[in-house]
Amino acid sequence: MVDSLKVESKPSAQVVGALYFGFILTGIGTNLLGCILPALSAAWGLSDSHSGFLFTAQFVGSSTGALMMQSNLYKSIVRGYVLLVLGATAFAFSHGHFAPLFLFFYGLGLGSSMTATSMIFGRMYTTNRGASLSLLNAFWGLGAVACPLLATAWEQFESPSSIYLGLAVAATLPLILLALQFRYLSQLRDVVTVLSERTSKLSLLIPLAIFAFLYVGVESSISGWMMTYVHRMGLASGLYAPIATSFFWIALLVGRSVAPVVLRRISESGLMLITLCVLLVSNVMLLLSYTPAMSIASASLAGLMLAPIFPLCLSKVLAIASGPSESRWVFAVSGLGGAVVPWMTGQVASVSGSLRTGLAVPLVAGFVMLLLQLRTQRLISDRGTGLG
């Protein structure tokens, strides 16, 4: 693959630092709704079905935000953070009124900023894209790890929705820092791709898009419903719910941090296959959890197995697609997974009267991911693209 990225210099510490810090905030922001959901449901009188609709509003917005991507990555990322700040502020003061609408615009900001950041990293580090994206997503995981404890501590003193105002204030920092980097970010250009024929690209991008859709759905469903699921076990201490959720994100953070090292000893396809198989085991363990130890263990194993999957999938997508016009729809489809699968989990839980039954939805999705990985890897191997 020929690298056509032309910039005058390496990215400055300000650019990299702002991107990493912003990704920490998007890790918090993506999972914040699930962490405050028990308190929010009690305050606003929400059913599982209504709660699931809030997830849908946020992730449909995130998916739409990915579709708004432009070749000018500078405009895309600045617009994303502006929408994030405005949407979070509006939701903080909504008191439940028009909450889905505000979460939609908040999701627009999340989707635009996260997609733009991933594409910027994909263009800054083309020779080790998979490792750099794993490290970037580790910072996202750091925010996700902190989210449950931050939300639990905040609820002791303030209303649950008001934490979005704090997030909005924090997000103004990367917004300002990145807005000052017009000269560097506007130089980032697309790279020449591995495949030249559009038909060949689509035959690989379509299954990868479906795979990414299911991945985001599984991650969002498990993490989003974890607090509520453990809370309903009726355990003696209410701390087990945020602990289990935090362990999920800690495991995901650790997994993404060590993924570059693991990839020196095992192929990407081999790592994907192992993690998907063990992910199914962890999902079964989650459904069978009746004790604090088992719920924490299953949450940790699920997070560890999910860790390398999305960065490796994203690396393949960015290597195949030649620019935002060809890859943004994949990001959009993946974002819809976060809207659909948690919503389906809530619907099944409402119909069956059991959230445990509802969590069978991500288990089925994980099995389909395994089948897609086997099919996609076979296509890549047959065509000798060098993406395996």
Protein backbone atom coordinates (compact mmCIF):
# COMPACT_ATOMS: atom_id res chain seq x y z
CA MET A 1 0.00 0.00 0.00
CA VAL A 2 1.33 3.40 -0.95
CA ASP A 3 1.05 6.10 1.67
CA SER A 4 -0.16 9.39 0.22
CA LEU A 5 -0.39 11.24 3.50
CA LYS A 6 1.47 14.52 3.07
CA VAL A 7 2.01 16.70 6.10
CA GLU A 8 4.70 19.20 6.93
CA SER A 9 5.56 17.64 10.29
CA LYS A 10 4.62 14.98 12.78
CA PRO A 11 1.55 15.67 14.91
CA SER A 12 2.30 18.00 17.80
CA ALA A 13 1.84 17.01 21.43
CA GLN A 14 -1.14 19.39 21.55
CA VAL A 15 -2.90 17.58 18.71
CA VAL A 16 -2.26 14.08 20.07
CA GLY A 17 -3.05 15.11 23.64
CA ALA A 18 -6.31 16.80 22.65
CA LEU A 19 -7.37 13.77 20.59
CA TYR A 20 -6.59 11.34 23.42
CA PHE A 21 -8.31 13.49 26.05
CA GLY A 22 -11.33 13.94 23.80
CA PHE A 23 -11.53 10.19 23.31
CA ILE A 24 -11.51 9.69 27.09
CA LEU A 25 -14.50 12.04 27.28
CA THR A 26 -16.33 10.20 24.49
CA GLY A 27 -15.71 6.97 26.42
CA ILE A 28 -17.45 8.56 29.38
CA GLY A 29 -20.14 10.13 27.23
CA THR A 30 -21.04 7.00 25.30
CA ASN A 31 -21.64 4.96 28.46
CA LEU A 32 -22.98 7.66 30.75
CA LEU A 33 -26.64 6.92 30.02
CA GLY A 34 -26.31 3.29 31.08
CA CYS A 35 -24.53 4.26 34.30
CA ILE A 36 -27.16 6.75 35.45
CA LEU A 37 -30.08 4.70 34.10
CA PRO A 38 -31.22 3.15 37.43
CA ALA A 39 -31.39 6.57 39.12
CA LEU A 40 -32.78 8.23 36.00
CA SER A 41 -35.50 5.58 35.63
CA ALA A 42 -36.55 6.11 39.24
CA ALA A 43 -36.54 9.90 38.92
CA TRP A 44 -38.43 9.99 35.62
CA GLY A 45 -40.54 6.84 36.05
CA LEU A 46 -39.12 5.02 33.01
CA SER A 47 -39.94 1.44 32.02
CA ASP A 48 -37.35 -0.86 30.41
CA SER A 49 -38.98 -0.15 27.06
CA HIS A 50 -38.73 3.64 27.53
CA SER A 51 -35.16 3.33 28.78
CA GLY A 52 -34.26 1.34 25.69
CA PHE A 53 -35.67 4.14 23.54
CA LEU A 54 -33.24 6.60 25.14
CA PHE A 55 -30.38 4.33 24.05
CA THR A 56 -31.89 4.28 20.59
CA ALA A 57 -32.06 8.09 20.38
CA GLN A 58 -28.42 8.48 21.38
CA PHE A 59 -27.05 5.81 19.07
CA VAL A 60 -29.19 6.78 16.08
CA GLY A 61 -27.71 10.25 16.56
CA SER A 62 -24.23 8.75 16.76
CA SER A 63 -24.82 6.81 13.55
CA THR A 64 -26.10 9.90 11.80
CA GLY A 65 -23.08 11.83 13.04
CA ALA A 66 -20.80 9.33 11.33
CA LEU A 67 -22.71 9.86 8.06
CA MET A 68 -22.04 13.60 8.35
CA MET A 69 -18.30 12.99 7.92
CA GLN A 70 -16.56 15.08 5.28
CA SER A 71 -13.17 14.79 3.61
CA ASN A 72 -12.24 17.89 5.62
CA LEU A 73 -11.61 16.12 8.93
CA TYR A 74 -10.94 19.43 10.71
CA LYS A 75 -14.49 20.66 10.11
CA SER A 76 -15.94 17.28 11.07
CA ILE A 77 -14.21 17.02 14.44
CA VAL A 78 -14.85 20.64 15.46
CA ARG A 79 -18.52 20.34 14.50
CA GLY A 80 -18.72 17.09 16.44
CA TYR A 81 -17.49 18.62 19.69
CA VAL A 82 -19.77 21.64 19.28
CA LEU A 83 -22.80 19.34 18.93
CA LEU A 84 -21.65 17.24 21.86
CA VAL A 85 -21.37 20.28 24.14
CA LEU A 86 -24.74 21.70 23.08
CA GLY A 87 -26.57 18.38 23.24
CA ALA A 88 -25.16 17.47 26.67
CA THR A 89 -26.05 20.90 28.06
CA ALA A 90 -29.62 20.69 26.77
CA PHE A 91 -30.11 17.19 28.20
CA ALA A 92 -28.76 18.30 31.58
CA PHE A 93 -31.51 20.92 31.87
CA SER A 94 -34.29 18.90 30.19
CA HIS A 95 -35.78 17.31 33.36
CA GLY A 96 -37.08 14.57 31.08
CA HIS A 97 -38.77 16.86 28.57
CA PHE A 98 -37.64 16.25 24.97
CA ALA A 99 -34.90 14.01 26.41
CA PRO A 100 -34.77 11.69 23.35
CA LEU A 101 -34.39 14.71 21.04
CA PHE A 102 -31.52 16.16 23.05
CA LEU A 103 -29.85 12.75 23.25
CA PHE A 104 -30.12 12.51 19.48
CA PHE A 105 -28.17 15.76 19.00
CA TYR A 106 -25.76 14.68 21.73
CA GLY A 107 -25.27 11.45 19.80
CA LEU A 108 -24.61 13.46 16.63
CA GLY A 109 -21.69 15.06 18.43
CA LEU A 110 -20.37 11.76 19.76
CA GLY A 111 -20.59 10.07 16.36
CA SER A 112 -18.94 12.93 14.48
CA SER A 113 -16.10 13.45 16.97
CA MET A 114 -15.30 9.73 17.43
CA THR A 115 -15.40 8.95 13.71
CA ALA A 116 -13.28 11.98 12.83
CA THR A 117 -10.74 11.10 15.54
CA SER A 118 -10.43 7.52 14.29
CA MET A 119 -9.94 8.72 10.70
CA ILE A 120 -7.36 11.28 11.80
CA PHE A 121 -5.38 8.56 13.58
CA GLY A 122 -5.77 6.30 10.56
CA ARG A 123 -4.07 8.98 8.44
CA MET A 124 -1.41 10.01 10.94
CA TYR A 125 -0.25 6.44 11.56
CA THR A 126 -0.68 4.41 8.37
CA THR A 127 2.15 1.92 8.88
CA ASN A 128 0.92 0.61 12.25
CA ARG A 129 -2.74 1.50 12.01
CA GLY A 130 -4.07 -1.48 13.99
CA ALA A 131 -1.79 -0.87 16.97
CA SER A 132 -2.39 2.90 17.00
CA LEU A 133 -6.16 2.44 16.86
CA SER A 134 -5.98 -0.11 19.68
CA LEU A 135 -4.10 2.42 21.81
CA LEU A 136 -6.55 5.18 20.88
CA ASN A 137 -9.47 2.96 21.87
CA ALA A 138 -7.68 2.16 25.12
CA PHE A 139 -8.08 5.83 26.03
CA TRP A 140 -11.76 5.52 25.17
CA GLY A 141 -11.84 2.54 27.51
CA LEU A 142 -10.19 4.63 30.24
CA GLY A 143 -13.15 6.99 30.12
CA ALA A 144 -15.56 4.08 30.15
CA VAL A 145 -13.80 2.63 33.23
CA ALA A 146 -14.15 5.91 35.11
CA CYS A 147 -17.76 6.45 34.06
CA PRO A 148 -19.62 4.16 36.53
CA LEU A 149 -17.73 5.45 39.57
CA LEU A 150 -18.03 9.07 38.43
CA ALA A 151 -21.77 8.66 37.88
CA THR A 152 -22.28 6.91 41.24
CA ALA A 153 -20.34 9.61 43.10
CA TRP A 154 -22.16 12.42 41.26
CA GLU A 155 -25.59 11.00 42.13
CA GLN A 156 -24.78 11.33 45.84
CA PHE A 157 -24.91 15.10 45.55
CA GLU A 158 -26.70 16.11 42.33
CA SER A 159 -29.48 14.96 40.04
CA PRO A 160 -28.36 12.16 37.68
CA SER A 161 -28.91 14.08 34.43
CA SER A 162 -26.89 17.11 35.61
CA ILE A 163 -23.64 15.15 35.14
CA TYR A 164 -24.04 15.86 31.42
CA LEU A 165 -23.37 19.53 32.17
CA GLY A 166 -20.01 18.58 33.68
CA LEU A 167 -19.21 16.56 30.56
CA ALA A 168 -20.10 19.53 28.37
CA VAL A 169 -17.73 21.81 30.30
CA ALA A 170 -14.90 19.27 30.03
CA ALA A 171 -15.46 18.81 26.28
CA THR A 172 -14.81 22.49 25.62
CA LEU A 173 -11.08 21.85 26.23
CA PRO A 174 -10.45 19.50 23.27
CA LEU A 175 -12.83 21.64 21.22
CA ILE A 176 -10.68 24.74 21.76
CA LEU A 177 -7.34 22.92 21.37
CA LEU A 178 -8.37 21.21 18.13
CA ALA A 179 -10.00 24.35 16.74
CA LEU A 180 -6.58 26.00 17.00
CA GLN A 181 -5.00 23.23 14.90
CA PHE A 182 -6.59 24.15 11.57
CA ARG A 183 -3.28 24.26 9.70
CA TYR A 184 -2.15 20.75 10.63
CA LEU A 185 -5.48 18.92 10.57
CA SER A 186 -6.50 20.41 7.22
CA GLN A 187 -3.38 18.85 5.65
CA LEU A 188 -4.47 15.28 6.37
CA ARG A 189 -5.37 13.51 3.15
CA ASP A 190 -6.75 10.15 2.18
CA VAL A 191 -4.49 7.19 1.54
CA VAL A 192 -4.27 4.86 -1.43
CA THR A 193 -6.16 1.67 -0.61
CA VAL A 194 -5.32 -1.99 -0.94
CA LEU A 195 -8.19 -2.74 -3.31
CA SER A 196 -8.92 -0.72 -6.41
CA GLU A 197 -12.20 -2.16 -7.67
CA ARG A 198 -15.37 -0.84 -6.06
CA THR A 199 -17.09 -4.23 -6.24
CA SER A 200 -14.17 -5.87 -4.44
CA LYS A 201 -14.29 -3.22 -1.74
CA LEU A 202 -18.02 -3.60 -1.15
CA SER A 203 -17.84 -7.38 -0.95
CA LEU A 204 -15.53 -6.92 2.04
CA LEU A 205 -16.95 -3.71 3.51
CA ILE A 206 -20.53 -4.97 3.73
CA PRO A 207 -19.79 -7.97 6.01
CA LEU A 208 -17.37 -5.79 7.98
CA ALA A 209 -20.14 -3.20 8.42
CA ILE A 210 -22.57 -5.84 9.68
CA PHE A 211 -19.86 -7.17 11.99
CA ALA A 212 -19.20 -3.67 13.36
CA PHE A 213 -22.97 -3.14 13.78
CA LEU A 214 -23.21 -6.27 15.92
CA TYR A 215 -20.05 -5.47 17.87
CA VAL A 216 -21.20 -2.01 18.93
CA GLY A 217 -24.60 -3.48 19.74
CA VAL A 218 -23.13 -6.21 21.94
CA GLU A 219 -20.77 -3.84 23.75
CA SER A 220 -23.50 -1.22 24.27
CA SER A 221 -26.07 -3.76 25.39
CA ILE A 222 -23.83 -5.48 27.93
CA SER A 223 -22.35 -2.25 29.31
CA GLY A 224 -25.58 -0.28 29.12
CA TRP A 225 -27.73 -2.83 30.95
CA MET A 226 -25.03 -4.10 33.35
CA MET A 227 -25.79 -1.63 36.15
CA THR A 228 -29.50 -2.39 36.00
CA TYR A 229 -28.96 -6.16 35.67
CA VAL A 230 -26.70 -6.48 38.72
CA HIS A 231 -28.81 -3.98 40.67
CA ARG A 232 -31.86 -6.23 40.21
CA MET A 233 -30.08 -9.25 41.70
CA GLY A 234 -31.08 -7.86 45.08
CA LEU A 235 -27.58 -8.07 46.48
CA ALA A 236 -26.83 -6.76 49.95
CA SER A 237 -24.63 -3.94 48.70
CA GLY A 238 -25.61 -1.55 45.96
CA LEU A 239 -21.92 -1.11 45.12
CA TYR A 240 -21.79 -4.38 43.20
CA ALA A 241 -23.55 -2.83 40.18
CA PRO A 242 -20.98 -0.06 39.54
CA ILE A 243 -18.14 -2.45 40.47
CA ALA A 244 -19.24 -5.02 37.87
CA THR A 245 -19.62 -2.31 35.23
CA SER A 246 -16.24 -0.81 36.09
CA PHE A 247 -14.57 -4.24 35.88
CA PHE A 248 -16.07 -4.66 32.41
CA TRP A 249 -14.44 -1.43 31.25
CA ILE A 250 -11.19 -2.07 33.15
CA ALA A 251 -10.88 -5.41 31.35
CA LEU A 252 -11.62 -3.72 28.01
CA LEU A 253 -9.01 -1.05 28.75
CA VAL A 254 -6.39 -3.66 29.68
CA GLY A 255 -7.22 -5.75 26.62
CA ARG A 256 -6.80 -2.83 24.23
CA SER A 257 -3.58 -1.72 25.92
CA VAL A 258 -1.92 -5.13 25.54
CA ALA A 259 -3.37 -5.93 22.11
CA PRO A 260 -0.37 -4.43 20.22
CA VAL A 261 1.96 -6.72 22.20
CA VAL A 262 -0.23 -9.79 21.65
CA LEU A 263 -0.35 -9.07 17.91
CA ARG A 264 3.41 -9.56 17.74
CA ARG A 265 2.89 -13.23 18.57
CA ILE A 266 -0.43 -14.03 16.93
CA SER A 267 -2.14 -12.98 13.70
CA GLU A 268 -5.06 -10.57 13.69
CA SER A 269 -7.39 -13.27 12.38
CA GLY A 270 -6.23 -15.71 15.06
CA LEU A 271 -6.79 -13.16 17.82
CA MET A 272 -10.25 -12.33 16.47
CA LEU A 273 -11.28 -15.98 16.39
CA ILE A 274 -10.10 -16.68 19.95
CA THR A 275 -11.75 -13.59 21.43
CA LEU A 276 -15.08 -14.21 19.68
CA CYS A 277 -15.24 -17.81 20.92
CA VAL A 278 -14.46 -16.86 24.52
CA LEU A 279 -16.88 -13.93 24.27
CA LEU A 280 -19.71 -16.40 23.77
CA VAL A 281 -18.61 -18.23 26.92
CA SER A 282 -18.60 -14.98 28.91
CA ASN A 283 -22.11 -14.12 27.69
CA VAL A 284 -23.41 -17.49 28.85
CA MET A 285 -21.72 -16.93 32.22
CA LEU A 286 -23.45 -13.54 32.47
CA LEU A 287 -26.86 -15.12 31.90
CA LEU A 288 -26.14 -17.69 34.61
CA SER A 289 -24.84 -15.14 37.14
CA TYR A 290 -26.56 -15.16 40.53
CA THR A 291 -23.67 -14.11 42.77
CA PRO A 292 -21.49 -10.99 42.92
CA ALA A 293 -18.35 -12.99 42.11
CA MET A 294 -19.85 -14.58 39.01
CA SER A 295 -21.33 -11.33 37.72
CA ILE A 296 -17.99 -9.52 38.12
CA ALA A 297 -16.07 -12.43 36.56
CA SER A 298 -18.37 -12.66 33.54
CA ALA A 299 -18.34 -8.87 33.06
CA SER A 300 -14.53 -8.83 33.21
CA LEU A 301 -14.16 -11.70 30.75
CA ALA A 302 -16.61 -10.09 28.34
CA GLY A 303 -14.73 -6.80 28.44
CA LEU A 304 -11.37 -8.50 27.92
CA MET A 305 -12.63 -10.45 24.91
CA LEU A 306 -14.38 -7.46 23.32
CA ALA A 307 -11.26 -5.30 23.67
CA PRO A 308 -9.33 -6.00 20.45
CA ILE A 309 -12.28 -6.74 18.19
CA PHE A 310 -13.43 -3.27 17.13
CA PRO A 311 -9.97 -1.70 16.56
CA LEU A 312 -8.98 -4.63 14.33
CA CYS A 313 -12.24 -4.40 12.40
CA LEU A 314 -11.81 -0.64 12.06
CA SER A 315 -8.23 -1.07 10.84
CA LYS A 316 -9.45 -3.32 8.02
CA VAL A 317 -12.17 -0.84 7.06
CA LEU A 318 -9.74 2.11 6.87
CA ALA A 319 -7.27 0.03 4.86
CA ILE A 320 -9.92 -0.93 2.30
CA ALA A 321 -11.78 2.39 1.99
CA SER A 322 -10.08 5.32 0.30
CA GLY A 323 -11.75 8.08 2.28
CA PRO A 324 -14.75 9.27 4.33
CA SER A 325 -17.07 8.86 1.33
CA GLU A 326 -16.39 5.11 1.32
CA SER A 327 -15.99 4.45 5.04
CA ARG A 328 -18.41 6.79 6.81
CA TRP A 329 -21.39 4.55 6.09
CA VAL A 330 -19.59 1.70 7.87
CA PHE A 331 -19.21 3.91 10.95
CA ALA A 332 -22.86 4.87 10.62
CA VAL A 333 -24.00 1.25 10.41
CA SER A 334 -21.87 0.35 13.42
CA GLY A 335 -23.45 3.18 15.40
CA LEU A 336 -26.90 1.81 14.63
CA GLY A 337 -25.88 -1.37 16.42
CA GLY A 338 -25.74 0.64 19.62
CA ALA A 339 -29.28 1.82 18.92
CA VAL A 340 -30.84 -1.47 17.89
CA VAL A 341 -29.34 -4.19 20.10
CA PRO A 342 -29.83 -2.46 23.51
CA TRP A 343 -33.35 -1.52 22.39
CA MET A 344 -34.07 -5.14 21.43
CA THR A 345 -32.67 -6.23 24.80
CA GLY A 346 -35.11 -3.90 26.54
CA GLN A 347 -38.02 -5.08 24.41
CA VAL A 348 -37.32 -8.76 25.06
CA ALA A 349 -36.90 -7.99 28.77
CA SER A 350 -40.24 -6.19 28.86
CA VAL A 351 -42.12 -8.95 27.00
CA SER A 352 -40.57 -11.78 29.02
CA GLY A 353 -40.57 -9.91 32.31
CA SER A 354 -36.88 -10.74 32.79
CA LEU A 355 -33.80 -8.70 31.93
CA ARG A 356 -31.85 -11.96 32.16
CA THR A 357 -33.82 -13.23 29.17
CA GLY A 358 -33.30 -9.93 27.37
CA LEU A 359 -29.53 -10.31 27.65
CA ALA A 360 -29.76 -13.38 25.42
CA VAL A 361 -29.93 -10.86 22.55
CA PRO A 362 -26.20 -9.94 22.69
CA LEU A 363 -25.39 -13.66 23.02
CA VAL A 364 -27.10 -14.37 19.70
CA ALA A 365 -25.42 -11.32 18.15
CA GLY A 366 -22.02 -12.60 19.29
CA PHE A 367 -22.63 -15.93 17.58
CA VAL A 368 -23.48 -14.16 14.31
CA MET A 369 -20.26 -12.13 14.65
CA LEU A 370 -18.28 -15.37 14.83
CA LEU A 371 -19.90 -16.62 11.62
CA LEU A 372 -19.21 -13.31 9.86
CA GLN A 373 -15.57 -13.33 10.94
CA LEU A 374 -15.09 -16.81 9.49
CA ARG A 375 -16.69 -15.75 6.21
CA THR A 376 -14.82 -12.45 5.93
CA GLN A 377 -11.47 -14.01 6.73
CA ARG A 378 -12.03 -16.60 4.02
CA LEU A 379 -12.73 -13.83 1.48
CA ILE A 380 -9.61 -11.92 2.55
CA SER A 381 -7.46 -15.03 2.33
CA ASP A 382 -8.81 -15.93 -1.13
CA ARG A 383 -7.99 -12.46 -2.48
CA GLY A 384 -4.60 -12.15 -0.83
CA THR A 385 -5.15 -8.52 0.24
CA GLY A 386 -2.73 -8.71 3.12
CA LEU A 387 -5.39 -7.66 5.64
CA GLY A 388 -5.44 -10.89 7.62
